[in-house]
Amino acid sequence: MSSSRKRDLVQAYKERKRDRGVFAVRCAPTGQMWVAATPNLESQKNSLWFSLRLGSHRRADMAQAWKDHGAEAFSYEVLEEIDDTDLTPLGLSDLLKAREKHWREALGAGPVHS
């Protein structure tokens, strides 16, 4: 592959539209739920599942539920996608925080990250 082709692919990757929003993680056997907002819904599940598999996740209750019940007991659900077309980076950050707070209160969920 030519260096210009590699450069074009890297540029396209950096410029791709990322889905921003709020997601929930649920443990079916316990009914526990955790909610967080993220600027990249696509990569969040992989990152979260990776840290849980390694036993390195910061939330002790989530890590324990994963250890007790396994990956098959967990689900990742997108609760809300946010259109950030007209938002500044600060506006997006504020909106993500507000929507996370809304969903945590509405669902009685804890935070994904402590």
C-alpha atoms as a PDB file:
ATOM      1  CA  MET A   1       0.000   0.000   0.000  1.00  0.00           C
ATOM      2  CA  SER A   2       1.364   3.388  -0.915  1.00  0.00           C
ATOM      3  CA  SER A   3       2.096   5.980   1.736  1.00  0.00           C
ATOM      4  CA  SER A   4      -0.419   8.395   0.199  1.00  0.00           C
ATOM      5  CA  ARG A   5      -3.121   5.713   0.409  1.00  0.00           C
ATOM      6  CA  LYS A   6      -2.255   5.075   4.074  1.00  0.00           C
ATOM      7  CA  ARG A   7      -2.371   8.804   4.752  1.00  0.00           C
ATOM      8  CA  ASP A   8      -5.799   9.049   3.071  1.00  0.00           C
ATOM      9  CA  LEU A   9      -7.155   6.123   5.107  1.00  0.00           C
ATOM     10  CA  VAL A  10      -5.886   7.609   8.369  1.00  0.00           C
ATOM     11  CA  GLN A  11      -7.423  10.964   7.494  1.00  0.00           C
ATOM     12  CA  ALA A  12     -10.761   9.353   6.629  1.00  0.00           C
ATOM     13  CA  TYR A  13     -10.705   7.461   9.942  1.00  0.00           C
ATOM     14  CA  LYS A  14     -10.068  10.663  11.889  1.00  0.00           C
ATOM     15  CA  GLU A  15     -12.850  12.517  10.057  1.00  0.00           C
ATOM     16  CA  ARG A  16     -15.538   9.831  10.325  1.00  0.00           C
ATOM     17  CA  LYS A  17     -18.704  10.738  12.182  1.00  0.00           C
ATOM     18  CA  ARG A  18     -18.771   9.340  15.670  1.00  0.00           C
ATOM     19  CA  ASP A  19     -22.022   8.537  17.413  1.00  0.00           C
ATOM     20  CA  ARG A  20     -22.242  10.419  20.687  1.00  0.00           C
ATOM     21  CA  GLY A  21     -24.738   9.644  23.370  1.00  0.00           C
ATOM     22  CA  VAL A  22     -25.741   7.827  26.525  1.00  0.00           C
ATOM     23  CA  PHE A  23     -25.600   4.081  27.124  1.00  0.00           C
ATOM     24  CA  ALA A  24     -26.562   1.628  29.855  1.00  0.00           C
ATOM     25  CA  VAL A  25     -24.940  -1.573  31.032  1.00  0.00           C
ATOM     26  CA  ARG A  26     -27.297  -4.074  32.636  1.00  0.00           C
ATOM     27  CA  CYS A  27     -26.666  -7.226  34.624  1.00  0.00           C
ATOM     28  CA  ALA A  28     -29.771  -9.384  34.111  1.00  0.00           C
ATOM     29  CA  PRO A  29     -29.435 -11.704  37.147  1.00  0.00           C
ATOM     30  CA  THR A  30     -28.969  -8.886  39.656  1.00  0.00           C
ATOM     31  CA  GLY A  31     -30.978  -6.133  37.965  1.00  0.00           C
ATOM     32  CA  GLN A  32     -28.071  -3.739  38.447  1.00  0.00           C
ATOM     33  CA  MET A  33     -27.689  -0.970  35.918  1.00  0.00           C
ATOM     34  CA  TRP A  34     -24.990   1.584  35.200  1.00  0.00           C
ATOM     35  CA  VAL A  35     -25.256   4.578  32.852  1.00  0.00           C
ATOM     36  CA  ALA A  36     -22.680   6.827  31.192  1.00  0.00           C
ATOM     37  CA  ALA A  37     -22.383   9.359  28.390  1.00  0.00           C
ATOM     38  CA  THR A  38     -19.664   9.106  25.796  1.00  0.00           C
ATOM     39  CA  PRO A  39     -18.433  10.965  22.727  1.00  0.00           C
ATOM     40  CA  ASN A  40     -17.928   7.587  20.989  1.00  0.00           C
ATOM     41  CA  LEU A  41     -20.651   4.979  21.469  1.00  0.00           C
ATOM     42  CA  GLU A  42     -19.042   2.679  18.900  1.00  0.00           C
ATOM     43  CA  SER A  43     -15.862   2.044  20.848  1.00  0.00           C
ATOM     44  CA  GLN A  44     -17.262   2.306  24.376  1.00  0.00           C
ATOM     45  CA  LYS A  45     -18.614  -1.240  24.639  1.00  0.00           C
ATOM     46  CA  ASN A  46     -15.325  -2.808  23.520  1.00  0.00           C
ATOM     47  CA  SER A  47     -13.368  -0.704  25.976  1.00  0.00           C
ATOM     48  CA  LEU A  48     -15.731  -1.493  28.824  1.00  0.00           C
ATOM     49  CA  TRP A  49     -15.896  -5.240  28.137  1.00  0.00           C
ATOM     50  CA  PHE A  50     -12.096  -5.339  27.816  1.00  0.00           C
ATOM     51  CA  SER A  51     -11.569  -3.780  31.259  1.00  0.00           C
ATOM     52  CA  LEU A  52     -14.181  -6.100  32.796  1.00  0.00           C
ATOM     53  CA  ARG A  53     -12.598  -9.215  31.240  1.00  0.00           C
ATOM     54  CA  LEU A  54      -9.217  -8.181  32.608  1.00  0.00           C
ATOM     55  CA  GLY A  55     -10.665  -7.515  36.046  1.00  0.00           C
ATOM     56  CA  SER A  56      -9.382  -3.965  35.923  1.00  0.00           C
ATOM     57  CA  HIS A  57     -12.641  -2.015  35.833  1.00  0.00           C
ATOM     58  CA  ARG A  58     -12.853   0.753  38.451  1.00  0.00           C
ATOM     59  CA  ARG A  59     -16.432   0.040  39.554  1.00  0.00           C
ATOM     60  CA  ALA A  60     -16.120  -2.706  42.167  1.00  0.00           C
ATOM     61  CA  ASP A  61     -19.823  -3.621  42.035  1.00  0.00           C
ATOM     62  CA  MET A  62     -19.802  -3.951  38.246  1.00  0.00           C
ATOM     63  CA  ALA A  63     -16.556  -5.947  38.270  1.00  0.00           C
ATOM     64  CA  GLN A  64     -17.963  -8.279  40.952  1.00  0.00           C
ATOM     65  CA  ALA A  65     -21.218  -8.821  39.046  1.00  0.00           C
ATOM     66  CA  TRP A  66     -19.175  -9.622  35.921  1.00  0.00           C
ATOM     67  CA  LYS A  67     -17.035 -12.068  37.901  1.00  0.00           C
ATOM     68  CA  ASP A  68     -20.085 -13.726  39.483  1.00  0.00           C
ATOM     69  CA  HIS A  69     -22.324 -13.942  36.401  1.00  0.00           C
ATOM     70  CA  GLY A  70     -20.070 -13.654  33.335  1.00  0.00           C
ATOM     71  CA  ALA A  71     -20.284 -11.723  30.102  1.00  0.00           C
ATOM     72  CA  GLU A  72     -23.482 -13.448  28.953  1.00  0.00           C
ATOM     73  CA  ALA A  73     -25.375 -11.834  31.840  1.00  0.00           C
ATOM     74  CA  PHE A  74     -24.481  -8.314  30.673  1.00  0.00           C
ATOM     75  CA  SER A  75     -26.031  -6.162  27.996  1.00  0.00           C
ATOM     76  CA  TYR A  76     -24.972  -2.848  26.457  1.00  0.00           C
ATOM     77  CA  GLU A  77     -27.824  -0.608  25.380  1.00  0.00           C
ATOM     78  CA  VAL A  78     -27.714   2.756  23.660  1.00  0.00           C
ATOM     79  CA  LEU A  79     -30.284   4.911  25.431  1.00  0.00           C
ATOM     80  CA  GLU A  80     -29.906   8.095  23.424  1.00  0.00           C
ATOM     81  CA  GLU A  81     -27.853   9.351  20.501  1.00  0.00           C
ATOM     82  CA  ILE A  82     -26.984  13.034  20.426  1.00  0.00           C
ATOM     83  CA  ASP A  83     -26.793  15.114  17.271  1.00  0.00           C
ATOM     84  CA  ASP A  84     -23.816  17.398  17.799  1.00  0.00           C
ATOM     85  CA  THR A  85     -23.976  19.146  14.431  1.00  0.00           C
ATOM     86  CA  ASP A  86     -24.568  22.607  15.877  1.00  0.00           C
ATOM     87  CA  LEU A  87     -22.720  22.183  19.167  1.00  0.00           C
ATOM     88  CA  THR A  88     -19.373  23.496  20.245  1.00  0.00           C
ATOM     89  CA  PRO A  89     -17.092  21.026  22.051  1.00  0.00           C
ATOM     90  CA  LEU A  90     -18.059  22.644  25.377  1.00  0.00           C
ATOM     91  CA  GLY A  91     -21.746  22.527  24.457  1.00  0.00           C
ATOM     92  CA  LEU A  92     -21.444  18.831  23.595  1.00  0.00           C
ATOM     93  CA  SER A  93     -19.679  18.107  26.874  1.00  0.00           C
ATOM     94  CA  ASP A  94     -22.361  19.931  28.871  1.00  0.00           C
ATOM     95  CA  LEU A  95     -25.167  18.198  26.989  1.00  0.00           C
ATOM     96  CA  LEU A  96     -23.618  14.744  27.495  1.00  0.00           C
ATOM     97  CA  LYS A  97     -23.311  15.391  31.245  1.00  0.00           C
ATOM     98  CA  ALA A  98     -26.908  16.613  31.469  1.00  0.00           C
ATOM     99  CA  ARG A  99     -28.293  13.654  29.523  1.00  0.00           C
ATOM    100  CA  GLU A 100     -26.274  11.171  31.590  1.00  0.00           C
ATOM    101  CA  LYS A 101     -27.674  12.729  34.764  1.00  0.00           C
ATOM    102  CA  HIS A 102     -31.210  12.541  33.351  1.00  0.00           C
ATOM    103  CA  TRP A 103     -30.921   8.849  32.438  1.00  0.00           C
ATOM    104  CA  ARG A 104     -29.247   7.857  35.708  1.00  0.00           C
ATOM    105  CA  GLU A 105     -32.068   9.490  37.677  1.00  0.00           C
ATOM    106  CA  ALA A 106     -34.800   8.109  35.412  1.00  0.00           C
ATOM    107  CA  LEU A 107     -33.474   4.542  35.642  1.00  0.00           C
ATOM    108  CA  GLY A 108     -32.111   4.627  39.171  1.00  0.00           C
ATOM    109  CA  ALA A 109     -28.723   3.616  37.783  1.00  0.00           C
ATOM    110  CA  GLY A 110     -25.215   4.108  39.041  1.00  0.00           C
ATOM    111  CA  PRO A 111     -22.371   5.614  37.044  1.00  0.00           C
ATOM    112  CA  VAL A 112     -20.271   3.374  34.799  1.00  0.00           C
ATOM    113  CA  HIS A 113     -17.105   5.122  35.915  1.00  0.00           C
ATOM    114  CA  SER A 114     -16.431   6.059  39.519  1.00  0.00           C
END
